[in-house]
């Protein structure tokens, strides 16, 4: 068991139609000692919620699909209401390695940061599809233009942060632009931001979700309205 006893860690997992993959994520998190896992079932049409519940997760279900930003905010609010000291968000599709959770938490503590991005682009050996590289570079440029923050992976779903960062966070963007909104919150609250290399594993299934041309256009439209 790797979870430290001096901090209460909550893992938040936004999930939409991940019944075939989320069980493995939850199993590995439990192997590393994480029991406070919140799965936000964003109106899945499969058995995502049932699988997560059977694996011991706290399951919150959205009756209608609200998007990744709203699901993340729901999970963060639950964690804060139940005494979290540290919150980690991770994708439901097993794209990330749950074994990296204790590593990113350790980095959060050792470098004195309040918000750490798990960067796919800092980890040697990651095989990242060219389209994802391009989309992320564009998102990083947009993020810098809006927030002034230089980061290598503005769109990562793998993040770790303290309650100091999360306490006054109110995510209003439901699409993938919420990642930039979270970075803007770090800028506004003047917390220490850091990045940490994490592993990533792409499959045909994970590539069918996430960033693409349509989500990129939607992200730009969402950012136009709020920044």
Protein backbone atom coordinates (compact mmCIF):
# COMPACT_ATOMS: atom_id res chain seq x y z
CA UNK A 1 0.00 0.00 0.00
CA UNK A 2 1.54 3.28 -1.12
CA UNK A 3 -0.92 5.92 -0.01
CA UNK A 4 0.52 8.17 2.70
CA UNK A 5 -1.48 8.30 5.93
CA UNK A 6 -0.80 11.99 6.56
CA UNK A 7 -2.94 13.19 3.65
CA UNK A 8 -6.39 12.13 2.55
CA UNK A 9 -6.20 11.52 -1.19
CA UNK A 10 -9.24 11.40 -3.43
CA UNK A 11 -9.04 10.18 -7.02
CA UNK A 12 -11.59 11.76 -9.37
CA UNK A 13 -12.44 9.94 -12.61
CA UNK A 14 -14.84 11.53 -15.13
CA UNK A 15 -16.31 8.69 -17.18
CA UNK A 16 -18.54 8.27 -20.22
CA UNK A 17 -19.17 4.79 -21.66
CA UNK A 18 -16.04 3.21 -20.16
CA UNK A 19 -17.53 -0.04 -18.77
CA UNK A 20 -14.93 -2.22 -20.50
CA UNK A 21 -11.93 -0.23 -19.25
CA UNK A 22 -12.69 1.46 -15.95
CA UNK A 23 -12.58 -1.76 -13.94
CA UNK A 24 -8.87 -2.18 -14.64
CA UNK A 25 -8.16 1.43 -13.64
CA UNK A 26 -9.98 0.98 -10.32
CA UNK A 27 -8.28 -2.34 -9.63
CA UNK A 28 -4.82 -0.83 -10.07
CA UNK A 29 -5.67 2.20 -7.93
CA UNK A 30 -6.77 -0.13 -5.14
CA UNK A 31 -3.53 -2.09 -5.48
CA UNK A 32 -1.70 1.16 -4.73
CA UNK A 33 -3.80 1.79 -1.64
CA UNK A 34 -6.31 4.33 -2.95
CA UNK A 35 -9.77 3.73 -1.53
CA UNK A 36 -11.37 7.14 -1.95
CA UNK A 37 -12.13 7.00 -5.66
CA UNK A 38 -14.94 9.09 -7.14
CA UNK A 39 -16.29 8.07 -10.54
CA UNK A 40 -18.55 10.65 -12.16
CA UNK A 41 -20.69 8.74 -14.64
CA UNK A 42 -21.55 11.39 -17.20
CA UNK A 43 -24.79 9.81 -18.48
CA UNK A 44 -23.16 6.66 -19.82
CA UNK A 45 -25.28 4.39 -22.01
CA UNK A 46 -23.40 1.28 -20.84
CA UNK A 47 -22.66 -0.19 -17.40
CA UNK A 48 -19.89 2.24 -16.44
CA UNK A 49 -21.55 3.21 -13.16
CA UNK A 50 -22.40 -0.36 -12.21
CA UNK A 51 -18.86 -1.57 -12.88
CA UNK A 52 -17.38 1.30 -10.85
CA UNK A 53 -19.77 0.68 -7.97
CA UNK A 54 -18.95 -3.04 -7.94
CA UNK A 55 -15.26 -2.12 -7.59
CA UNK A 56 -15.95 0.02 -4.52
CA UNK A 57 -15.90 3.50 -6.07
CA UNK A 58 -18.14 6.35 -5.01
CA UNK A 59 -20.34 6.80 -8.08
CA UNK A 60 -22.12 10.03 -8.95
CA UNK A 61 -24.32 9.91 -12.02
CA UNK A 62 -25.23 12.81 -14.27
CA UNK A 63 -28.69 12.20 -15.74
CA UNK A 64 -27.69 14.02 -18.92
CA UNK A 65 -24.28 14.24 -20.53
CA UNK A 66 -22.71 17.49 -19.34
CA UNK A 67 -19.14 17.05 -20.57
CA UNK A 68 -15.71 16.43 -19.10
CA UNK A 69 -15.46 19.83 -17.41
CA UNK A 70 -18.74 19.47 -15.54
CA UNK A 71 -17.94 15.88 -14.56
CA UNK A 72 -14.55 16.96 -13.21
CA UNK A 73 -16.13 19.75 -11.17
CA UNK A 74 -18.71 17.35 -9.75
CA UNK A 75 -15.97 15.01 -8.60
CA UNK A 76 -13.83 17.77 -7.14
CA UNK A 77 -16.79 19.19 -5.20
CA UNK A 78 -17.53 15.73 -3.77
CA UNK A 79 -13.92 15.26 -2.73
CA UNK A 80 -13.77 18.64 -1.01
CA UNK A 81 -17.06 17.99 0.80
CA UNK A 82 -15.69 14.70 2.12
CA UNK A 83 -12.40 15.94 3.54
CA UNK A 84 -9.87 15.61 0.75
CA UNK A 85 -6.39 17.04 1.28
CA UNK A 86 -5.10 16.11 -2.18
CA UNK A 87 -7.15 15.44 -5.31
CA UNK A 88 -5.94 13.58 -8.39
CA UNK A 89 -7.86 13.46 -11.67
CA UNK A 90 -7.17 10.63 -14.08
CA UNK A 91 -8.83 9.36 -17.27
CA UNK A 92 -11.24 6.41 -17.14
CA UNK A 93 -9.98 4.67 -20.28
CA UNK A 94 -6.70 3.34 -18.86
CA UNK A 95 -4.75 5.74 -21.04
CA UNK A 96 -2.74 6.69 -17.97
CA UNK A 97 -0.92 4.37 -15.60
CA UNK A 98 -2.44 4.33 -12.09
CA UNK A 99 1.06 3.43 -10.91
CA UNK A 100 2.02 7.04 -11.65
CA UNK A 101 -0.46 8.38 -9.06
CA UNK A 102 1.84 7.94 -6.03
CA UNK A 103 4.70 9.40 -8.08
CA UNK A 104 2.83 12.57 -9.03
CA UNK A 105 1.61 13.01 -5.44
CA UNK A 106 5.17 12.63 -4.18
CA UNK A 107 6.30 15.30 -6.63
CA UNK A 108 3.47 17.60 -5.52
CA UNK A 109 4.72 17.38 -1.95
CA UNK A 110 8.46 17.45 -2.61
CA UNK A 111 8.41 20.52 -4.86
CA UNK A 112 5.89 22.38 -2.73
CA UNK A 113 3.43 22.83 -5.58
CA UNK A 114 -0.34 23.18 -5.30
CA UNK A 115 -1.09 22.08 -8.87
CA UNK A 116 0.85 19.52 -10.90
CA UNK A 117 0.15 18.58 -14.51
CA UNK A 118 0.98 15.03 -15.54
CA UNK A 119 2.76 15.64 -18.84
CA UNK A 120 2.81 13.03 -21.59
CA UNK A 121 5.48 15.03 -23.39
CA UNK A 122 8.07 14.97 -20.61
CA UNK A 123 8.12 11.17 -20.30
CA UNK A 124 10.72 9.46 -22.52
CA UNK A 125 9.39 6.49 -24.44
CA UNK A 126 5.80 7.63 -24.78
CA UNK A 127 4.42 6.94 -28.25
CA UNK A 128 2.04 9.81 -28.90
CA UNK A 129 0.08 9.88 -32.17
CA UNK A 130 1.07 12.83 -34.40
CA UNK A 131 -2.47 14.23 -34.39
CA UNK A 132 -2.42 14.46 -30.59
CA UNK A 133 0.95 16.19 -30.71
CA UNK A 134 -0.41 18.79 -33.13
CA UNK A 135 -3.63 19.40 -31.19
CA UNK A 136 -1.73 19.77 -27.94
CA UNK A 137 0.77 22.23 -29.43
CA UNK A 138 -2.12 24.37 -30.64
CA UNK A 139 -3.81 24.14 -27.23
CA UNK A 140 -0.54 25.06 -25.50
CA UNK A 141 -0.25 28.15 -27.69
CA UNK A 142 -3.84 29.15 -26.93
CA UNK A 143 -3.23 28.55 -23.24
CA UNK A 144 -0.15 30.79 -23.25
CA UNK A 145 -2.01 33.51 -25.15
CA UNK A 146 -4.80 33.48 -22.56
CA UNK A 147 -2.96 32.76 -19.31
CA UNK A 148 0.70 33.57 -19.92
CA UNK A 149 1.66 30.14 -18.54
CA UNK A 150 4.20 27.95 -20.37
CA UNK A 151 3.29 24.26 -20.07
CA UNK A 152 4.06 21.21 -22.18
CA UNK A 153 0.70 19.45 -21.80
CA UNK A 154 -2.19 21.84 -21.25
CA UNK A 155 -4.77 19.19 -22.17
CA UNK A 156 -3.71 16.41 -19.84
CA UNK A 157 -6.43 14.67 -17.86
CA UNK A 158 -3.89 13.57 -15.24
CA UNK A 159 -3.57 16.27 -12.59
CA UNK A 160 -2.80 16.45 -8.87
CA UNK A 161 -3.63 19.41 -6.66
CA UNK A 162 -4.17 20.53 -3.11
CA UNK A 163 -7.33 21.85 -1.52
CA UNK A 164 -5.65 25.27 -1.50
CA UNK A 165 -5.89 25.22 -5.28
CA UNK A 166 -9.28 23.49 -5.51
CA UNK A 167 -11.21 25.33 -2.80
CA UNK A 168 -12.38 28.27 -4.95
CA UNK A 169 -12.30 26.49 -8.30
CA UNK A 170 -15.54 26.71 -10.26
CA UNK A 171 -15.24 25.06 -13.66
CA UNK A 172 -17.72 26.64 -16.07
CA UNK A 173 -16.49 25.13 -19.35
CA UNK A 174 -17.93 21.70 -20.07
CA UNK A 175 -15.72 20.84 -23.05
CA UNK A 176 -11.96 20.26 -23.15
CA UNK A 177 -11.37 24.00 -22.75
CA UNK A 178 -11.90 23.39 -19.04
CA UNK A 179 -8.24 22.32 -18.89
CA UNK A 180 -7.19 25.86 -19.81
CA UNK A 181 -9.73 27.23 -17.34
CA UNK A 182 -8.03 25.21 -14.59
CA UNK A 183 -4.68 26.67 -15.58
CA UNK A 184 -6.15 30.16 -15.55
CA UNK A 185 -7.39 29.51 -12.02
CA UNK A 186 -3.82 28.64 -11.02
CA UNK A 187 -2.65 31.95 -12.48
CA UNK A 188 -5.35 33.97 -10.76
CA UNK A 189 -4.83 32.36 -7.36
CA UNK A 190 -1.02 32.57 -7.69
CA UNK A 191 -0.42 28.97 -6.61
CA UNK A 192 2.77 27.14 -7.51
CA UNK A 193 2.39 25.17 -10.74
CA UNK A 194 4.61 22.28 -11.78
CA UNK A 195 4.70 19.50 -14.36
CA UNK A 196 5.69 15.86 -13.96
CA UNK A 197 6.37 13.15 -16.58
CA UNK A 198 3.71 10.43 -16.80
CA UNK A 199 3.25 7.43 -19.02
CA UNK A 200 0.50 7.25 -21.61
CA UNK A 201 -0.85 4.32 -23.63
CA UNK A 202 -2.93 4.86 -26.75
CA UNK A 203 -5.24 2.25 -28.24
CA UNK A 204 -7.82 2.34 -31.01
CA UNK A 205 -10.49 2.86 -28.36
CA UNK A 206 -8.75 5.76 -26.60
CA UNK A 207 -8.03 7.41 -29.93
CA UNK A 208 -11.76 7.38 -30.73
CA UNK A 209 -12.30 9.83 -27.87
CA UNK A 210 -10.59 13.00 -26.74
CA UNK A 211 -9.10 15.65 -28.97
CA UNK A 212 -9.98 15.92 -32.63
CA UNK A 213 -10.78 18.66 -35.12
CA UNK A 214 -14.39 18.99 -33.93
CA UNK A 215 -13.51 19.20 -30.23
CA UNK A 216 -10.81 21.72 -31.12
CA UNK A 217 -13.33 23.96 -32.85
CA UNK A 218 -15.72 23.62 -29.91
CA UNK A 219 -12.90 24.49 -27.51
CA UNK A 220 -12.08 27.66 -29.43
CA UNK A 221 -15.73 28.66 -29.46
CA UNK A 222 -16.04 28.07 -25.72
CA UNK A 223 -12.93 30.08 -24.95
CA UNK A 224 -14.17 32.91 -27.16
CA UNK A 225 -17.21 33.27 -24.92
CA UNK A 226 -15.44 33.29 -21.58
CA UNK A 227 -12.01 34.90 -22.00
